[in-house]
Amino acid sequence: MDINDTRDRLIRLQAERYAAIELGIESPSPYLTRLEAAIADAHVEYVMSAVREIAVLRRSLARATAG
């Protein structure tokens, strides 16, 4: 999954959480607990995707300046 996909997933999950709260689903409910866990996982995945993108860009820049 690329960084755009991971960002989109995180945004969708956050929107789902906001919608659930607006509908009156209160924490701690099993649904919100699972949703919060999914948001935390998506956040980690998003950050890791960003770190990978930065590493690829740095490697490309290093090759361009070395060559």
PDB file of N, CA and C in Angstrom:
ATOM      1  N   MET A   1       0.843  -1.168   0.000  1.00  0.00           N
ATOM      2  CA  MET A   1       0.000   0.000   0.000  1.00  0.00           C
ATOM      3  C   MET A   1       0.896   1.242   0.000  1.00  0.00           C
ATOM      4  N   ASP A   2       0.605   2.209  -0.848  1.00  0.00           N
ATOM      5  CA  ASP A   2       1.431   3.408  -0.862  1.00  0.00           C
ATOM      6  C   ASP A   2       0.914   4.428   0.161  1.00  0.00           C
ATOM      7  N   ILE A   3       1.633   5.510   0.282  1.00  0.00           N
ATOM      8  CA  ILE A   3       1.325   6.492   1.323  1.00  0.00           C
ATOM      9  C   ILE A   3      -0.064   7.112   1.135  1.00  0.00           C
ATOM     10  N   ASN A   4      -0.488   7.290  -0.093  1.00  0.00           N
ATOM     11  CA  ASN A   4      -1.814   7.863  -0.332  1.00  0.00           C
ATOM     12  C   ASN A   4      -2.917   6.915   0.132  1.00  0.00           C
ATOM     13  N   ASP A   5      -2.721   5.634  -0.115  1.00  0.00           N
ATOM     14  CA  ASP A   5      -3.701   4.646   0.337  1.00  0.00           C
ATOM     15  C   ASP A   5      -3.772   4.590   1.857  1.00  0.00           C
ATOM     16  N   THR A   6      -2.602   4.640   2.497  1.00  0.00           N
ATOM     17  CA  THR A   6      -2.605   4.580   3.959  1.00  0.00           C
ATOM     18  C   THR A   6      -3.223   5.834   4.559  1.00  0.00           C
ATOM     19  N   ARG A   7      -2.962   6.990   3.956  1.00  0.00           N
ATOM     20  CA  ARG A   7      -3.573   8.236   4.424  1.00  0.00           C
ATOM     21  C   ARG A   7      -5.087   8.185   4.254  1.00  0.00           C
ATOM     22  N   ASP A   8      -5.534   7.718   3.113  1.00  0.00           N
ATOM     23  CA  ASP A   8      -6.971   7.627   2.856  1.00  0.00           C
ATOM     24  C   ASP A   8      -7.656   6.686   3.844  1.00  0.00           C
ATOM     25  N   ARG A   9      -6.995   5.562   4.150  1.00  0.00           N
ATOM     26  CA  ARG A   9      -7.559   4.613   5.119  1.00  0.00           C
ATOM     27  C   ARG A   9      -7.671   5.257   6.492  1.00  0.00           C
ATOM     28  N   LEU A  10      -6.636   5.967   6.898  1.00  0.00           N
ATOM     29  CA  LEU A  10      -6.662   6.638   8.196  1.00  0.00           C
ATOM     30  C   LEU A  10      -7.779   7.676   8.246  1.00  0.00           C
ATOM     31  N   ILE A  11      -7.928   8.446   7.204  1.00  0.00           N
ATOM     32  CA  ILE A  11      -8.986   9.464   7.156  1.00  0.00           C
ATOM     33  C   ILE A  11     -10.365   8.820   7.204  1.00  0.00           C
ATOM     34  N   ARG A  12     -10.558   7.723   6.461  1.00  0.00           N
ATOM     35  CA  ARG A  12     -11.853   7.030   6.481  1.00  0.00           C
ATOM     36  C   ARG A  12     -12.187   6.492   7.865  1.00  0.00           C
ATOM     37  N   LEU A  13     -11.193   5.910   8.528  1.00  0.00           N
ATOM     38  CA  LEU A  13     -11.426   5.384   9.872  1.00  0.00           C
ATOM     39  C   LEU A  13     -11.754   6.507  10.865  1.00  0.00           C
ATOM     40  N   GLN A  14     -11.045   7.619  10.749  1.00  0.00           N
ATOM     41  CA  GLN A  14     -11.332   8.752  11.636  1.00  0.00           C
ATOM     42  C   GLN A  14     -12.732   9.304  11.377  1.00  0.00           C
ATOM     43  N   ALA A  15     -13.122   9.368  10.115  1.00  0.00           N
ATOM     44  CA  ALA A  15     -14.464   9.835   9.786  1.00  0.00           C
ATOM     45  C   ALA A  15     -15.519   8.880  10.340  1.00  0.00           C
ATOM     46  N   GLU A  16     -15.232   7.588  10.280  1.00  0.00           N
ATOM     47  CA  GLU A  16     -16.157   6.601  10.836  1.00  0.00           C
ATOM     48  C   GLU A  16     -16.293   6.785  12.351  1.00  0.00           C
ATOM     49  N   ARG A  17     -15.194   7.072  13.017  1.00  0.00           N
ATOM     50  CA  ARG A  17     -15.238   7.310  14.463  1.00  0.00           C
ATOM     51  C   ARG A  17     -16.082   8.547  14.778  1.00  0.00           C
ATOM     52  N   TYR A  18     -15.878   9.625  14.032  1.00  0.00           N
ATOM     53  CA  TYR A  18     -16.664  10.833  14.261  1.00  0.00           C
ATOM     54  C   TYR A  18     -18.147  10.587  14.005  1.00  0.00           C
ATOM     55  N   ALA A  19     -18.450   9.825  12.963  1.00  0.00           N
ATOM     56  CA  ALA A  19     -19.849   9.514  12.666  1.00  0.00           C
ATOM     57  C   ALA A  19     -20.465   8.677  13.778  1.00  0.00           C
ATOM     58  N   ALA A  20     -19.704   7.727  14.283  1.00  0.00           N
ATOM     59  CA  ALA A  20     -20.217   6.882  15.374  1.00  0.00           C
ATOM     60  C   ALA A  20     -20.504   7.717  16.620  1.00  0.00           C
ATOM     61  N   ILE A  21     -19.627   8.642  16.918  1.00  0.00           N
ATOM     62  CA  ILE A  21     -19.829   9.510  18.088  1.00  0.00           C
ATOM     63  C   ILE A  21     -21.045  10.405  17.870  1.00  0.00           C
ATOM     64  N   GLU A  22     -21.189  10.911  16.673  1.00  0.00           N
ATOM     65  CA  GLU A  22     -22.354  11.749  16.351  1.00  0.00           C
ATOM     66  C   GLU A  22     -23.657  10.968  16.480  1.00  0.00           C
ATOM     67  N   LEU A  23     -23.605   9.680  16.200  1.00  0.00           N
ATOM     68  CA  LEU A  23     -24.792   8.834  16.308  1.00  0.00           C
ATOM     69  C   LEU A  23     -25.080   8.423  17.752  1.00  0.00           C
ATOM     70  N   GLY A  24     -24.178   8.776  18.649  1.00  0.00           N
ATOM     71  CA  GLY A  24     -24.412   8.498  20.053  1.00  0.00           C
ATOM     72  C   GLY A  24     -23.768   7.241  20.584  1.00  0.00           C
ATOM     73  N   ILE A  25     -22.934   6.614  19.796  1.00  0.00           N
ATOM     74  CA  ILE A  25     -22.229   5.442  20.292  1.00  0.00           C
ATOM     75  C   ILE A  25     -21.161   5.938  21.253  1.00  0.00           C
ATOM     76  N   GLU A  26     -21.223   5.445  22.471  1.00  0.00           N
ATOM     77  CA  GLU A  26     -20.318   5.948  23.501  1.00  0.00           C
ATOM     78  C   GLU A  26     -19.211   4.949  23.788  1.00  0.00           C
ATOM     79  N   SER A  27     -18.110   5.495  24.213  1.00  0.00           N
ATOM     80  CA  SER A  27     -16.991   4.670  24.630  1.00  0.00           C
ATOM     81  C   SER A  27     -17.181   4.329  26.098  1.00  0.00           C
ATOM     82  N   PRO A  28     -16.846   3.207  26.593  1.00  0.00           N
ATOM     83  CA  PRO A  28     -16.176   2.109  25.901  1.00  0.00           C
ATOM     84  C   PRO A  28     -17.171   1.115  25.346  1.00  0.00           C
ATOM     85  N   SER A  29     -17.374   1.142  24.074  1.00  0.00           N
ATOM     86  CA  SER A  29     -18.190   0.130  23.418  1.00  0.00           C
ATOM     87  C   SER A  29     -17.240  -0.768  22.629  1.00  0.00           C
ATOM     88  N   PRO A  30     -17.606  -2.014  22.437  1.00  0.00           N
ATOM     89  CA  PRO A  30     -16.722  -2.907  21.656  1.00  0.00           C
ATOM     90  C   PRO A  30     -16.438  -2.349  20.257  1.00  0.00           C
ATOM     91  N   TYR A  31     -17.449  -1.747  19.647  1.00  0.00           N
ATOM     92  CA  TYR A  31     -17.274  -1.183  18.306  1.00  0.00           C
ATOM     93  C   TYR A  31     -16.226  -0.073  18.313  1.00  0.00           C
ATOM     94  N   LEU A  32     -16.356   0.881  19.230  1.00  0.00           N
ATOM     95  CA  LEU A  32     -15.398   1.980  19.277  1.00  0.00           C
ATOM     96  C   LEU A  32     -14.016   1.500  19.713  1.00  0.00           C
ATOM     97  N   THR A  33     -13.955   0.507  20.555  1.00  0.00           N
ATOM     98  CA  THR A  33     -12.666  -0.040  20.967  1.00  0.00           C
ATOM     99  C   THR A  33     -11.935  -0.631  19.768  1.00  0.00           C
ATOM    100  N   ARG A  34     -12.641  -1.417  18.948  1.00  0.00           N
ATOM    101  CA  ARG A  34     -12.027  -1.989  17.737  1.00  0.00           C
ATOM    102  C   ARG A  34     -11.663  -0.888  16.738  1.00  0.00           C
ATOM    103  N   LEU A  35     -12.531   0.118  16.633  1.00  0.00           N
ATOM    104  CA  LEU A  35     -12.282   1.219  15.707  1.00  0.00           C
ATOM    105  C   LEU A  35     -11.052   2.020  16.140  1.00  0.00           C
ATOM    106  N   GLU A  36     -10.919   2.285  17.418  1.00  0.00           N
ATOM    107  CA  GLU A  36      -9.741   2.997  17.926  1.00  0.00           C
ATOM    108  C   GLU A  36      -8.466   2.198  17.658  1.00  0.00           C
ATOM    109  N   ALA A  37      -8.537   0.888  17.829  1.00  0.00           N
ATOM    110  CA  ALA A  37      -7.371   0.041  17.541  1.00  0.00           C
ATOM    111  C   ALA A  37      -7.018   0.096  16.054  1.00  0.00           C
ATOM    112  N   ALA A  38      -8.031   0.082  15.212  1.00  0.00           N
ATOM    113  CA  ALA A  38      -7.791   0.157  13.764  1.00  0.00           C
ATOM    114  C   ALA A  38      -7.187   1.514  13.397  1.00  0.00           C
ATOM    115  N   ILE A  39      -7.641   2.568  14.041  1.00  0.00           N
ATOM    116  CA  ILE A  39      -7.091   3.903  13.791  1.00  0.00           C
ATOM    117  C   ILE A  39      -5.631   3.952  14.230  1.00  0.00           C
ATOM    118  N   ALA A  40      -5.331   3.387  15.388  1.00  0.00           N
ATOM    119  CA  ALA A  40      -3.943   3.366  15.860  1.00  0.00           C
ATOM    120  C   ALA A  40      -3.054   2.593  14.892  1.00  0.00           C
ATOM    121  N   ASP A  41      -3.526   1.443  14.418  1.00  0.00           N
ATOM    122  CA  ASP A  41      -2.759   0.653  13.449  1.00  0.00           C
ATOM    123  C   ASP A  41      -2.560   1.422  12.143  1.00  0.00           C
ATOM    124  N   ALA A  42      -3.612   2.088  11.676  1.00  0.00           N
ATOM    125  CA  ALA A  42      -3.523   2.857  10.435  1.00  0.00           C
ATOM    126  C   ALA A  42      -2.563   4.027  10.589  1.00  0.00           C
ATOM    127  N   HIS A  43      -2.541   4.630  11.768  1.00  0.00           N
ATOM    128  CA  HIS A  43      -1.628   5.738  12.017  1.00  0.00           C
ATOM    129  C   HIS A  43      -0.182   5.262  11.945  1.00  0.00           C
ATOM    130  N   VAL A  44       0.114   4.132  12.561  1.00  0.00           N
ATOM    131  CA  VAL A  44       1.463   3.566  12.507  1.00  0.00           C
ATOM    132  C   VAL A  44       1.838   3.243  11.062  1.00  0.00           C
ATOM    133  N   GLU A  45       0.912   2.647  10.349  1.00  0.00           N
ATOM    134  CA  GLU A  45       1.164   2.300   8.948  1.00  0.00           C
ATOM    135  C   GLU A  45       1.436   3.556   8.110  1.00  0.00           C
ATOM    136  N   TYR A  46       0.695   4.620   8.378  1.00  0.00           N
ATOM    137  CA  TYR A  46       0.876   5.880   7.652  1.00  0.00           C
ATOM    138  C   TYR A  46       2.253   6.478   7.941  1.00  0.00           C
ATOM    139  N   VAL A  47       2.634   6.504   9.200  1.00  0.00           N
ATOM    140  CA  VAL A  47       3.943   7.051   9.561  1.00  0.00           C
ATOM    141  C   VAL A  47       5.057   6.225   8.934  1.00  0.00           C
ATOM    142  N   MET A  48       4.919   4.914   8.987  1.00  0.00           N
ATOM    143  CA  MET A  48       5.944   4.054   8.389  1.00  0.00           C
ATOM    144  C   MET A  48       6.024   4.251   6.876  1.00  0.00           C
ATOM    145  N   SER A  49       4.899   4.456   6.230  1.00  0.00           N
ATOM    146  CA  SER A  49       4.893   4.731   4.787  1.00  0.00           C
ATOM    147  C   SER A  49       5.623   6.036   4.493  1.00  0.00           C
ATOM    148  N   ALA A  50       5.400   7.040   5.330  1.00  0.00           N
ATOM    149  CA  ALA A  50       6.074   8.324   5.148  1.00  0.00           C
ATOM    150  C   ALA A  50       7.577   8.174   5.337  1.00  0.00           C
ATOM    151  N   VAL A  51       7.987   7.409   6.330  1.00  0.00           N
ATOM    152  CA  VAL A  51       9.415   7.186   6.566  1.00  0.00           C
ATOM    153  C   VAL A  51      10.040   6.462   5.373  1.00  0.00           C
ATOM    154  N   ARG A  52       9.334   5.470   4.837  1.00  0.00           N
ATOM    155  CA  ARG A  52       9.853   4.758   3.653  1.00  0.00           C
ATOM    156  C   ARG A  52       9.987   5.705   2.467  1.00  0.00           C
ATOM    157  N   GLU A  53       8.993   6.570   2.266  1.00  0.00           N
ATOM    158  CA  GLU A  53       9.048   7.532   1.156  1.00  0.00           C
ATOM    159  C   GLU A  53      10.249   8.464   1.312  1.00  0.00           C
ATOM    160  N   ILE A  54      10.485   8.926   2.523  1.00  0.00           N
ATOM    161  CA  ILE A  54      11.619   9.811   2.781  1.00  0.00           C
ATOM    162  C   ILE A  54      12.926   9.081   2.499  1.00  0.00           C
ATOM    163  N   ALA A  55      13.022   7.834   2.934  1.00  0.00           N
ATOM    164  CA  ALA A  55      14.243   7.052   2.691  1.00  0.00           C
ATOM    165  C   ALA A  55      14.500   6.871   1.202  1.00  0.00           C
ATOM    166  N   VAL A  56      13.461   6.597   0.446  1.00  0.00           N
ATOM    167  CA  VAL A  56      13.609   6.432  -1.009  1.00  0.00           C
ATOM    168  C   VAL A  56      14.066   7.743  -1.643  1.00  0.00           C
ATOM    169  N   LEU A  57      13.473   8.849  -1.229  1.00  0.00           N
ATOM    170  CA  LEU A  57      13.870  10.152  -1.779  1.00  0.00           C
ATOM    171  C   LEU A  57      15.317  10.491  -1.423  1.00  0.00           C
ATOM    172  N   ARG A  58      15.697  10.211  -0.196  1.00  0.00           N
ATOM    173  CA  ARG A  58      17.086  10.487   0.216  1.00  0.00           C
ATOM    174  C   ARG A  58      18.070   9.641  -0.582  1.00  0.00           C
ATOM    175  N   ARG A  59      17.727   8.368  -0.794  1.00  0.00           N
ATOM    176  CA  ARG A  59      18.584   7.497  -1.576  1.00  0.00           C
ATOM    177  C   ARG A  59      18.706   8.020  -3.014  1.00  0.00           C
ATOM    178  N   SER A  60      17.601   8.463  -3.586  1.00  0.00           N
ATOM    179  CA  SER A  60      17.618   9.000  -4.943  1.00  0.00           C
ATOM    180  C   SER A  60      18.484  10.255  -5.030  1.00  0.00           C
ATOM    181  N   LEU A  61      18.355  11.109  -4.022  1.00  0.00           N
ATOM    182  CA  LEU A  61      19.163  12.334  -4.008  1.00  0.00           C
ATOM    183  C   LEU A  61      20.635  12.005  -3.840  1.00  0.00           C
ATOM    184  N   ALA A  62      20.942  11.040  -2.984  1.00  0.00           N
ATOM    185  CA  ALA A  62      22.339  10.663  -2.778  1.00  0.00           C
ATOM    186  C   ALA A  62      22.949  10.108  -4.068  1.00  0.00           C
ATOM    187  N   ARG A  63      22.190   9.301  -4.778  1.00  0.00           N
ATOM    188  CA  ARG A  63      22.677   8.741  -6.043  1.00  0.00           C
ATOM    189  C   ARG A  63      22.876   9.843  -7.086  1.00  0.00           C
ATOM    190  N   ALA A  64      21.957  10.802  -7.098  1.00  0.00           N
ATOM    191  CA  ALA A  64      22.050  11.878  -8.086  1.00  0.00           C
ATOM    192  C   ALA A  64      23.267  12.764  -7.839  1.00  0.00           C
ATOM    193  N   THR A  65      23.589  13.021  -6.575  1.00  0.00           N
ATOM    194  CA  THR A  65      24.728  13.876  -6.275  1.00  0.00           C
ATOM    195  C   THR A  65      26.052  13.114  -6.369  1.00  0.00           C
ATOM    196  N   ALA A  66      26.017  11.795  -6.186  1.00  0.00           N
ATOM    197  CA  ALA A  66      27.238  10.993  -6.262  1.00  0.00           C
ATOM    198  C   ALA A  66      27.630  10.679  -7.703  1.00  0.00           C
ATOM    199  N   GLY A  67      26.672  10.684  -8.571  1.00  0.00           N
ATOM    200  CA  GLY A  67      26.919  10.245  -9.952  1.00  0.00           C
ATOM    201  C   GLY A  67      27.305  11.338 -10.824  1.00  0.00           C
TER     202      GLY A  67
END
